C-alpha atoms as a PDB file:
ATOM      1  CA  MET A   1       0.090   0.074  -0.032  1.00  0.00           C
ATOM      2  CA  ILE A   2       1.217   3.310  -0.755  1.00  0.00           C
ATOM      3  CA  ARG A   3       1.403   5.676   2.421  1.00  0.00           C
ATOM      4  CA  VAL A   4       0.170   9.258   1.498  1.00  0.00           C
ATOM      5  CA  PRO A   5       1.534  11.603   4.326  1.00  0.00           C
ATOM      6  CA  GLN A   6      -0.615  14.156   5.730  1.00  0.00           C
ATOM      7  CA  GLY A   7      -0.955  17.293   3.483  1.00  0.00           C
ATOM      8  CA  CYS A   8       0.179  15.507   0.638  1.00  0.00           C
ATOM      9  CA  ARG A   9      -1.863  16.248  -2.483  1.00  0.00           C
ATOM     10  CA  VAL A  10      -2.555  13.549  -4.935  1.00  0.00           C
ATOM     11  CA  TRP A  11      -2.832  14.505  -8.652  1.00  0.00           C
ATOM     12  CA  ALA A  12      -4.162  12.226 -11.425  1.00  0.00           C
ATOM     13  CA  ARG A  13      -3.545  12.947 -15.004  1.00  0.00           C
ATOM     14  CA  SER A  14      -6.913  13.502 -16.483  1.00  0.00           C
ATOM     15  CA  GLN A  15      -6.482  11.373 -19.526  1.00  0.00           C
ATOM     16  CA  ALA A  16      -5.023   7.930 -20.570  1.00  0.00           C
ATOM     17  CA  THR A  17      -1.541   7.622 -20.334  1.00  0.00           C
ATOM     18  CA  ASP A  18       0.985   5.329 -22.423  1.00  0.00           C
ATOM     19  CA  LEU A  19       2.384   3.411 -19.487  1.00  0.00           C
ATOM     20  CA  ARG A  20       5.432   2.134 -21.286  1.00  0.00           C
ATOM     21  CA  LYS A  21       6.925   5.279 -19.822  1.00  0.00           C
ATOM     22  CA  GLY A  22       9.296   4.776 -16.837  1.00  0.00           C
ATOM     23  CA  PHE A  23      10.459   7.498 -14.482  1.00  0.00           C
ATOM     24  CA  ALA A  24      11.851   9.940 -16.965  1.00  0.00           C
ATOM     25  CA  GLY A  25       8.767   9.834 -19.019  1.00  0.00           C
ATOM     26  CA  LEU A  26       6.237  10.273 -16.286  1.00  0.00           C
ATOM     27  CA  ALA A  27       8.312  13.028 -14.670  1.00  0.00           C
ATOM     28  CA  GLY A  28       8.363  14.862 -17.802  1.00  0.00           C
ATOM     29  CA  LEU A  29       4.606  14.558 -17.964  1.00  0.00           C
ATOM     30  CA  VAL A  30       4.332  15.841 -14.294  1.00  0.00           C
ATOM     31  CA  GLN A  31       6.434  18.827 -15.170  1.00  0.00           C
ATOM     32  CA  ARG A  32       5.438  19.615 -18.778  1.00  0.00           C
ATOM     33  CA  GLU A  33       2.046  18.763 -18.712  1.00  0.00           C
ATOM     34  CA  LEU A  34       0.699  19.133 -15.249  1.00  0.00           C
ATOM     35  CA  GLY A  35       2.978  21.806 -14.428  1.00  0.00           C
ATOM     36  CA  CYS A  36       3.781  20.426 -10.945  1.00  0.00           C
ATOM     37  CA  ASP A  37       7.039  20.609  -8.975  1.00  0.00           C
ATOM     38  CA  LEU A  38       7.881  16.746  -8.994  1.00  0.00           C
ATOM     39  CA  LEU A  39      10.128  17.311  -5.735  1.00  0.00           C
ATOM     40  CA  ALA A  40       7.217  18.826  -3.677  1.00  0.00           C
ATOM     41  CA  GLY A  41       6.172  15.428  -2.302  1.00  0.00           C
ATOM     42  CA  ASP A  42       2.865  15.318  -4.119  1.00  0.00           C
ATOM     43  CA  ILE A  43       1.835  11.867  -5.290  1.00  0.00           C
ATOM     44  CA  PHE A  44       0.931  11.610  -9.305  1.00  0.00           C
ATOM     45  CA  VAL A  45      -1.471   8.748 -10.670  1.00  0.00           C
ATOM     46  CA  PHE A  46      -1.593   7.560 -14.361  1.00  0.00           C
ATOM     47  CA  ILE A  47      -3.965   5.033 -15.772  1.00  0.00           C
ATOM     48  CA  SER A  48      -3.487   3.047 -18.786  1.00  0.00           C
ATOM     49  CA  ARG A  49      -6.165   3.501 -22.054  1.00  0.00           C
ATOM     50  CA  SER A  50      -7.246  -0.083 -21.200  1.00  0.00           C
ATOM     51  CA  ARG A  51      -7.437   0.870 -17.193  1.00  0.00           C
ATOM     52  CA  ARG A  52      -5.945  -2.650 -16.330  1.00  0.00           C
ATOM     53  CA  LEU A  53      -2.711  -0.863 -15.356  1.00  0.00           C
ATOM     54  CA  VAL A  54      -1.761   2.421 -13.081  1.00  0.00           C
ATOM     55  CA  LYS A  55       1.336   3.523 -12.186  1.00  0.00           C
ATOM     56  CA  VAL A  56       2.078   6.024  -9.270  1.00  0.00           C
ATOM     57  CA  LEU A  57       4.920   8.453  -8.964  1.00  0.00           C
ATOM     58  CA  GLN A  58       6.112   9.673  -5.600  1.00  0.00           C
ATOM     59  CA  TRP A  59       8.941  11.846  -4.319  1.00  0.00           C
ATOM     60  CA  ASP A  60       9.714  10.775  -0.615  1.00  0.00           C
ATOM     61  CA  GLY A  61      12.305  13.214   0.189  1.00  0.00           C
ATOM     62  CA  THR A  62      15.296  10.868  -0.701  1.00  0.00           C
ATOM     63  CA  GLY A  63      14.447   9.515  -3.992  1.00  0.00           C
ATOM     64  CA  LEU A  64      11.685   8.890  -6.544  1.00  0.00           C
ATOM     65  CA  SER A  65       9.585   6.025  -6.250  1.00  0.00           C
ATOM     66  CA  LEU A  66       7.500   4.351  -9.041  1.00  0.00           C
ATOM     67  CA  TYR A  67       4.559   1.655  -8.146  1.00  0.00           C
ATOM     68  CA  SER A  68       2.546   0.198 -10.694  1.00  0.00           C
ATOM     69  CA  LYS A  69      -0.451  -1.975 -10.313  1.00  0.00           C
ATOM     70  CA  ARG A  70      -2.268  -4.491 -12.894  1.00  0.00           C
ATOM     71  CA  LEU A  71      -5.626  -5.782 -12.089  1.00  0.00           C
ATOM     72  CA  GLY A  72      -6.219  -9.405 -12.906  1.00  0.00           C
ATOM     73  CA  ARG A  73      -9.796  -8.751 -14.156  1.00  0.00           C
ATOM     74  CA  GLY A  74     -11.850  -5.711 -14.345  1.00  0.00           C
ATOM     75  CA  GLN A  75     -10.571  -2.164 -14.754  1.00  0.00           C
ATOM     76  CA  PHE A  76      -9.577   0.779 -12.809  1.00  0.00           C
ATOM     77  CA  ALA A  77     -12.416   3.755 -12.592  1.00  0.00           C
ATOM     78  CA  GLU A  78     -12.395   6.100 -15.632  1.00  0.00           C
ATOM     79  CA  ILE A  79     -11.333   9.023 -13.623  1.00  0.00           C
ATOM     80  CA  TRP A  80     -11.134  11.352 -16.582  1.00  0.00           C
ATOM     81  CA  ARG A  81     -14.735  10.966 -17.529  1.00  0.00           C
ATOM     82  CA  HIS A  82     -16.727  14.191 -17.444  1.00  0.00           C
ATOM     83  CA  ARG A  83     -13.481  15.935 -16.378  1.00  0.00           C
ATOM     84  CA  HIS A  84     -11.607  18.757 -18.428  1.00  0.00           C
ATOM     85  CA  GLY A  85      -7.997  20.176 -17.853  1.00  0.00           C
ATOM     86  CA  ASP A  86      -4.802  18.322 -17.365  1.00  0.00           C
ATOM     87  CA  GLN A  87      -5.154  16.890 -13.818  1.00  0.00           C
ATOM     88  CA  ILE A  88      -7.491  15.887 -11.072  1.00  0.00           C
ATOM     89  CA  GLU A  89      -6.907  16.015  -7.550  1.00  0.00           C
ATOM     90  CA  LEU A  90      -7.940  13.149  -5.573  1.00  0.00           C
ATOM     91  CA  THR A  91      -8.492  12.793  -1.751  1.00  0.00           C
ATOM     92  CA  ARG A  92      -6.298  10.061   0.139  1.00  0.00           C
ATOM     93  CA  ARG A  93      -9.500   7.766   0.217  1.00  0.00           C
ATOM     94  CA  ALA A  94     -10.496   7.972  -3.288  1.00  0.00           C
ATOM     95  CA  LEU A  95      -6.494   7.131  -4.146  1.00  0.00           C
ATOM     96  CA  TYR A  96      -6.951   3.917  -1.910  1.00  0.00           C
ATOM     97  CA  GLN A  97     -10.359   3.080  -3.577  1.00  0.00           C
ATOM     98  CA  LEU A  98      -8.918   3.522  -6.966  1.00  0.00           C
ATOM     99  CA  LEU A  99      -5.980   1.207  -6.199  1.00  0.00           C
ATOM    100  CA  GLU A 100      -8.414  -1.371  -4.636  1.00  0.00           C
ATOM    101  CA  GLY A 101     -10.538  -1.265  -8.097  1.00  0.00           C
ATOM    102  CA  ALA A 102     -13.404   0.605  -6.744  1.00  0.00           C
ATOM    103  CA  ASP A 103     -15.586   2.990  -9.017  1.00  0.00           C
ATOM    104  CA  VAL A 104     -14.451   5.992  -7.166  1.00  0.00           C
ATOM    105  CA  THR A 105     -16.179   8.087  -9.869  1.00  0.00           C
ATOM    106  CA  ARG A 106     -19.553   7.073  -8.453  1.00  0.00           C
ATOM    107  CA  ALA A 107     -18.352   8.064  -4.905  1.00  0.00           C
ATOM    108  CA  GLN A 108     -17.293  11.586  -6.052  1.00  0.00           C
ATOM    109  CA  ARG A 109     -14.333  11.488  -3.978  1.00  0.00           C
ATOM    110  CA  TRP A 110     -12.752  14.512  -5.873  1.00  0.00           C
ATOM    111  CA  ARG A 111     -11.551  17.541  -4.358  1.00  0.00           C
ATOM    112  CA  LYS A 112     -13.028  20.853  -5.559  1.00  0.00           C
END
């Protein structure tokens, strides 16, 4: 389980991502497309087009971590549905639900 420190913000890219990308490719998306500081300690979530794979990028103060989860069956929530812009801010609970495979779009667990 990914630990989300208190006060940490969780950002999800609001469109499907080619998850053949590794550290450098995803870090580039964070900086170029999302306009965020990768080293600020926030968490960044990327979901593949098929929604069977998710990658999470996190700076923990000492290094960059890349987490990956592939579902055996089913799909992750289509978080980009009905969203505009480059990013969506998730609550900690929404991140945990997303990674468990829950449909967080129905739960409306987005920060306004």
